[in-house]
Amino acid sequence: MDSHEFNRLLLLFPVVRTPDYSQADAQSSRQATSGVTSNEVAEWQDAWGEQETKTQDVFWGKLRSAAEQKVGSAGAEKFCDAFQKIYHKLVYEELSTEVIENYLNSS
């Protein structure tokens, strides 16, 4: 799926972030929580890990259903695969918004 097609499909879905969201806000919230110990983080991750997995499964299912309604089964498959790749890069590799935009533009 090329970036133009992905962006066209992405426009079919509503924006989740507020218009005033910025990378600086995300950085300041990360710094505010940096005083948390690694043990506390591990305990929190253990407690929420299972619930998060269930929540993500529900999210991906709803995304796929919404995409199927808008672009059909084949288009939904391609869109969801591309969306998941970008999601995993953003969440697990903590890429900046600029890097993601460059990735979208180069795909």
N, C-alpha and C. Protein backbone atom coordinates (compact mmCIF):
# COMPACT_ATOMS: atom_id res chain seq x y z
N MET A 1 0.86 -1.17 0.00
CA MET A 1 0.00 0.00 0.00
C MET A 1 0.91 1.23 0.00
N ASP A 2 0.71 2.13 -0.93
CA ASP A 2 1.54 3.32 -0.98
C ASP A 2 1.01 4.38 -0.01
N SER A 3 1.82 5.39 0.24
CA SER A 3 1.46 6.39 1.25
C SER A 3 0.22 7.18 0.85
N HIS A 4 0.04 7.44 -0.43
CA HIS A 4 -1.14 8.19 -0.88
C HIS A 4 -2.42 7.42 -0.57
N GLU A 5 -2.40 6.13 -0.88
CA GLU A 5 -3.57 5.30 -0.62
C GLU A 5 -3.84 5.19 0.88
N PHE A 6 -2.77 5.01 1.68
CA PHE A 6 -2.91 4.91 3.13
C PHE A 6 -3.49 6.21 3.69
N ASN A 7 -2.95 7.35 3.27
CA ASN A 7 -3.46 8.64 3.75
C ASN A 7 -4.91 8.86 3.35
N ARG A 8 -5.29 8.44 2.15
CA ARG A 8 -6.67 8.57 1.70
C ARG A 8 -7.59 7.76 2.61
N LEU A 9 -7.18 6.52 2.94
CA LEU A 9 -7.99 5.69 3.83
C LEU A 9 -8.01 6.24 5.25
N LEU A 10 -6.89 6.77 5.69
CA LEU A 10 -6.80 7.31 7.04
C LEU A 10 -7.76 8.48 7.22
N LEU A 11 -7.98 9.25 6.18
CA LEU A 11 -8.90 10.39 6.25
C LEU A 11 -10.35 9.95 6.46
N LEU A 12 -10.65 8.69 6.24
CA LEU A 12 -12.01 8.20 6.45
C LEU A 12 -12.34 8.04 7.93
N PHE A 13 -11.33 8.10 8.79
CA PHE A 13 -11.52 7.87 10.22
C PHE A 13 -11.35 9.17 10.99
N PRO A 14 -12.10 9.34 12.09
CA PRO A 14 -12.01 10.58 12.85
C PRO A 14 -10.68 10.71 13.59
N VAL A 15 -10.28 11.95 13.85
CA VAL A 15 -9.05 12.25 14.59
C VAL A 15 -9.30 11.98 16.07
N VAL A 16 -8.34 11.31 16.71
CA VAL A 16 -8.50 10.96 18.12
C VAL A 16 -7.85 11.99 19.02
N ARG A 17 -6.72 12.54 18.60
CA ARG A 17 -6.02 13.54 19.42
C ARG A 17 -6.68 14.89 19.25
N THR A 18 -6.55 15.70 20.30
CA THR A 18 -7.09 17.05 20.23
C THR A 18 -6.20 17.89 19.33
N PRO A 19 -6.73 18.94 18.73
CA PRO A 19 -5.93 19.78 17.83
C PRO A 19 -4.75 20.45 18.53
N ASP A 20 -4.84 20.66 19.85
CA ASP A 20 -3.76 21.34 20.55
C ASP A 20 -2.71 20.38 21.12
N TYR A 21 -2.78 19.09 20.79
CA TYR A 21 -1.78 18.13 21.24
C TYR A 21 -0.45 18.45 20.57
N SER A 22 0.61 18.34 21.34
CA SER A 22 1.94 18.57 20.75
C SER A 22 2.94 17.59 21.33
N GLN A 23 4.05 17.42 20.64
CA GLN A 23 5.11 16.53 21.10
C GLN A 23 5.67 17.04 22.43
N ALA A 24 5.69 18.35 22.63
CA ALA A 24 6.19 18.93 23.88
C ALA A 24 5.34 18.48 25.06
N ASP A 25 4.01 18.40 24.87
CA ASP A 25 3.13 17.93 25.93
C ASP A 25 3.47 16.50 26.31
N ALA A 26 3.72 15.68 25.31
CA ALA A 26 4.06 14.28 25.57
C ALA A 26 5.38 14.17 26.30
N GLN A 27 6.36 15.00 25.91
CA GLN A 27 7.66 14.97 26.56
C GLN A 27 7.55 15.42 28.02
N SER A 28 6.77 16.47 28.29
CA SER A 28 6.65 16.96 29.67
C SER A 28 5.94 15.94 30.55
N SER A 29 4.97 15.20 30.00
CA SER A 29 4.30 14.19 30.80
C SER A 29 5.23 13.01 31.08
N ARG A 30 6.12 12.69 30.13
CA ARG A 30 7.10 11.63 30.36
C ARG A 30 8.07 12.04 31.46
N GLN A 31 8.50 13.32 31.43
CA GLN A 31 9.44 13.79 32.44
C GLN A 31 8.79 13.84 33.81
N ALA A 32 7.52 14.14 33.88
CA ALA A 32 6.82 14.19 35.16
C ALA A 32 6.75 12.82 35.81
N THR A 33 6.71 11.77 35.01
CA THR A 33 6.62 10.42 35.56
C THR A 33 7.97 9.75 35.65
N SER A 34 9.06 10.46 35.35
CA SER A 34 10.38 9.84 35.35
C SER A 34 10.87 9.51 36.76
N GLY A 35 10.24 10.04 37.81
CA GLY A 35 10.63 9.74 39.17
C GLY A 35 10.13 8.40 39.67
N VAL A 36 9.41 7.67 38.86
CA VAL A 36 8.87 6.37 39.24
C VAL A 36 9.99 5.34 39.17
N THR A 37 10.04 4.47 40.17
CA THR A 37 11.09 3.45 40.19
C THR A 37 10.78 2.34 39.20
N SER A 38 11.81 1.61 38.83
CA SER A 38 11.63 0.53 37.85
C SER A 38 10.76 -0.58 38.43
N ASN A 39 10.82 -0.81 39.74
CA ASN A 39 9.96 -1.82 40.36
C ASN A 39 8.49 -1.44 40.24
N GLU A 40 8.20 -0.16 40.44
CA GLU A 40 6.83 0.31 40.32
C GLU A 40 6.32 0.15 38.88
N VAL A 41 7.20 0.43 37.94
CA VAL A 41 6.82 0.29 36.54
C VAL A 41 6.56 -1.18 36.23
N ALA A 42 7.42 -2.07 36.69
CA ALA A 42 7.25 -3.50 36.44
C ALA A 42 5.95 -4.01 37.06
N GLU A 43 5.64 -3.58 38.28
CA GLU A 43 4.39 -3.99 38.93
C GLU A 43 3.18 -3.50 38.14
N TRP A 44 3.25 -2.26 37.68
CA TRP A 44 2.14 -1.70 36.91
C TRP A 44 1.96 -2.45 35.60
N GLN A 45 3.09 -2.74 34.92
CA GLN A 45 3.00 -3.45 33.65
C GLN A 45 2.43 -4.85 33.84
N ASP A 46 2.83 -5.53 34.90
CA ASP A 46 2.29 -6.86 35.16
C ASP A 46 0.79 -6.81 35.42
N ALA A 47 0.38 -5.81 36.20
CA ALA A 47 -1.03 -5.71 36.55
C ALA A 47 -1.90 -5.36 35.34
N TRP A 48 -1.38 -4.54 34.46
CA TRP A 48 -2.18 -4.06 33.33
C TRP A 48 -1.92 -4.81 32.03
N GLY A 49 -0.89 -5.64 31.99
CA GLY A 49 -0.53 -6.33 30.76
C GLY A 49 -1.65 -7.14 30.16
N GLU A 50 -2.31 -7.93 30.98
CA GLU A 50 -3.40 -8.78 30.48
C GLU A 50 -4.59 -7.94 30.02
N GLN A 51 -4.94 -6.94 30.80
CA GLN A 51 -6.06 -6.06 30.43
C GLN A 51 -5.75 -5.31 29.15
N GLU A 52 -4.51 -4.86 29.01
CA GLU A 52 -4.12 -4.12 27.80
C GLU A 52 -4.25 -4.99 26.56
N THR A 53 -3.86 -6.25 26.68
CA THR A 53 -3.96 -7.17 25.54
C THR A 53 -5.41 -7.31 25.11
N LYS A 54 -6.31 -7.46 26.08
CA LYS A 54 -7.74 -7.57 25.76
C LYS A 54 -8.25 -6.29 25.10
N THR A 55 -7.83 -5.15 25.63
CA THR A 55 -8.26 -3.87 25.09
C THR A 55 -7.75 -3.69 23.67
N GLN A 56 -6.50 -4.06 23.42
CA GLN A 56 -5.94 -3.94 22.07
C GLN A 56 -6.67 -4.85 21.10
N ASP A 57 -6.99 -6.07 21.53
CA ASP A 57 -7.74 -6.97 20.66
C ASP A 57 -9.08 -6.36 20.27
N VAL A 58 -9.75 -5.74 21.22
CA VAL A 58 -11.04 -5.09 20.94
C VAL A 58 -10.83 -3.93 19.98
N PHE A 59 -9.78 -3.13 20.22
CA PHE A 59 -9.51 -1.99 19.34
C PHE A 59 -9.26 -2.43 17.91
N TRP A 60 -8.37 -3.44 17.73
CA TRP A 60 -8.04 -3.88 16.37
C TRP A 60 -9.27 -4.49 15.69
N GLY A 61 -10.10 -5.16 16.46
CA GLY A 61 -11.33 -5.72 15.89
C GLY A 61 -12.27 -4.62 15.43
N LYS A 62 -12.43 -3.58 16.25
CA LYS A 62 -13.30 -2.47 15.87
C LYS A 62 -12.74 -1.70 14.68
N LEU A 63 -11.42 -1.53 14.65
CA LEU A 63 -10.80 -0.85 13.52
C LEU A 63 -11.04 -1.62 12.24
N ARG A 64 -10.83 -2.94 12.29
CA ARG A 64 -11.03 -3.77 11.11
C ARG A 64 -12.49 -3.72 10.64
N SER A 65 -13.43 -3.78 11.59
CA SER A 65 -14.85 -3.72 11.24
C SER A 65 -15.21 -2.39 10.58
N ALA A 66 -14.71 -1.29 11.16
CA ALA A 66 -14.99 0.02 10.60
C ALA A 66 -14.37 0.16 9.22
N ALA A 67 -13.17 -0.34 9.06
CA ALA A 67 -12.50 -0.26 7.76
C ALA A 67 -13.23 -1.11 6.72
N GLU A 68 -13.71 -2.29 7.12
CA GLU A 68 -14.45 -3.14 6.18
C GLU A 68 -15.72 -2.46 5.70
N GLN A 69 -16.38 -1.74 6.59
CA GLN A 69 -17.61 -1.03 6.21
C GLN A 69 -17.31 0.10 5.22
N LYS A 70 -16.12 0.71 5.35
CA LYS A 70 -15.81 1.87 4.52
C LYS A 70 -15.11 1.49 3.21
N VAL A 71 -14.23 0.46 3.23
CA VAL A 71 -13.44 0.16 2.03
C VAL A 71 -13.49 -1.30 1.61
N GLY A 72 -14.29 -2.12 2.28
CA GLY A 72 -14.38 -3.52 1.90
C GLY A 72 -13.33 -4.37 2.59
N SER A 73 -13.46 -5.67 2.47
CA SER A 73 -12.62 -6.61 3.19
C SER A 73 -11.15 -6.54 2.78
N ALA A 74 -10.89 -6.54 1.49
CA ALA A 74 -9.49 -6.51 1.00
C ALA A 74 -8.81 -5.20 1.36
N GLY A 75 -9.51 -4.10 1.17
CA GLY A 75 -8.95 -2.79 1.52
C GLY A 75 -8.72 -2.66 3.02
N ALA A 76 -9.63 -3.22 3.81
CA ALA A 76 -9.49 -3.17 5.26
C ALA A 76 -8.26 -3.94 5.72
N GLU A 77 -8.01 -5.07 5.09
CA GLU A 77 -6.85 -5.89 5.44
C GLU A 77 -5.56 -5.10 5.20
N LYS A 78 -5.45 -4.48 4.03
CA LYS A 78 -4.25 -3.70 3.71
C LYS A 78 -4.11 -2.50 4.64
N PHE A 79 -5.22 -1.80 4.89
CA PHE A 79 -5.18 -0.63 5.75
C PHE A 79 -4.77 -1.00 7.17
N CYS A 80 -5.38 -2.04 7.72
CA CYS A 80 -5.07 -2.45 9.10
C CYS A 80 -3.63 -2.92 9.24
N ASP A 81 -3.12 -3.63 8.24
CA ASP A 81 -1.72 -4.06 8.28
C ASP A 81 -0.78 -2.86 8.30
N ALA A 82 -1.04 -1.89 7.44
CA ALA A 82 -0.20 -0.69 7.40
C ALA A 82 -0.33 0.10 8.69
N PHE A 83 -1.54 0.21 9.22
CA PHE A 83 -1.79 0.94 10.46
C PHE A 83 -1.05 0.28 11.62
N GLN A 84 -1.08 -1.07 11.69
CA GLN A 84 -0.40 -1.78 12.76
C GLN A 84 1.11 -1.61 12.69
N LYS A 85 1.67 -1.60 11.48
CA LYS A 85 3.12 -1.40 11.34
C LYS A 85 3.52 -0.05 11.91
N ILE A 86 2.78 0.98 11.55
CA ILE A 86 3.09 2.32 12.05
C ILE A 86 2.87 2.40 13.56
N TYR A 87 1.80 1.79 14.03
CA TYR A 87 1.51 1.77 15.47
C TYR A 87 2.66 1.12 16.24
N HIS A 88 3.12 -0.04 15.79
CA HIS A 88 4.20 -0.73 16.49
C HIS A 88 5.50 0.08 16.46
N LYS A 89 5.79 0.72 15.35
CA LYS A 89 6.98 1.56 15.29
C LYS A 89 6.86 2.73 16.27
N LEU A 90 5.69 3.34 16.32
CA LEU A 90 5.49 4.49 17.21
C LEU A 90 5.54 4.08 18.67
N VAL A 91 4.81 3.05 19.02
CA VAL A 91 4.68 2.67 20.43
C VAL A 91 5.91 1.96 20.96
N TYR A 92 6.42 1.00 20.23
CA TYR A 92 7.49 0.17 20.75
C TYR A 92 8.88 0.70 20.45
N GLU A 93 9.01 1.55 19.45
CA GLU A 93 10.31 2.13 19.15
C GLU A 93 10.35 3.61 19.50
N GLU A 94 9.22 4.14 19.98
CA GLU A 94 9.08 5.52 20.43
C GLU A 94 9.60 6.52 19.42
N LEU A 95 9.09 6.44 18.22
CA LEU A 95 9.49 7.37 17.18
C LEU A 95 8.76 8.69 17.34
N SER A 96 9.41 9.74 16.88
CA SER A 96 8.78 11.06 16.93
C SER A 96 7.75 11.17 15.80
N THR A 97 6.91 12.16 15.90
CA THR A 97 5.90 12.40 14.88
C THR A 97 6.55 12.68 13.52
N GLU A 98 7.68 13.40 13.55
CA GLU A 98 8.37 13.71 12.29
C GLU A 98 8.84 12.45 11.59
N VAL A 99 9.37 11.50 12.35
CA VAL A 99 9.86 10.26 11.76
C VAL A 99 8.70 9.48 11.16
N ILE A 100 7.56 9.45 11.84
CA ILE A 100 6.39 8.73 11.33
C ILE A 100 5.89 9.39 10.05
N GLU A 101 5.86 10.72 10.02
CA GLU A 101 5.44 11.41 8.80
C GLU A 101 6.39 11.07 7.64
N ASN A 102 7.68 11.03 7.92
CA ASN A 102 8.65 10.67 6.88
C ASN A 102 8.43 9.24 6.42
N TYR A 103 8.12 8.35 7.36
CA TYR A 103 7.85 6.95 7.02
C TYR A 103 6.62 6.85 6.12
N LEU A 104 5.58 7.57 6.47
CA LEU A 104 4.36 7.55 5.65
C LEU A 104 4.62 8.10 4.26
N ASN A 105 5.40 9.17 4.20
CA ASN A 105 5.67 9.78 2.91
C ASN A 105 6.58 8.91 2.03
N SER A 106 7.39 8.07 2.64
CA SER A 106 8.31 7.24 1.86
C SER A 106 7.73 5.88 1.50
N SER A 107 6.63 5.48 2.14
CA SER A 107 6.06 4.15 1.89
C SER A 107 5.36 4.06 0.57
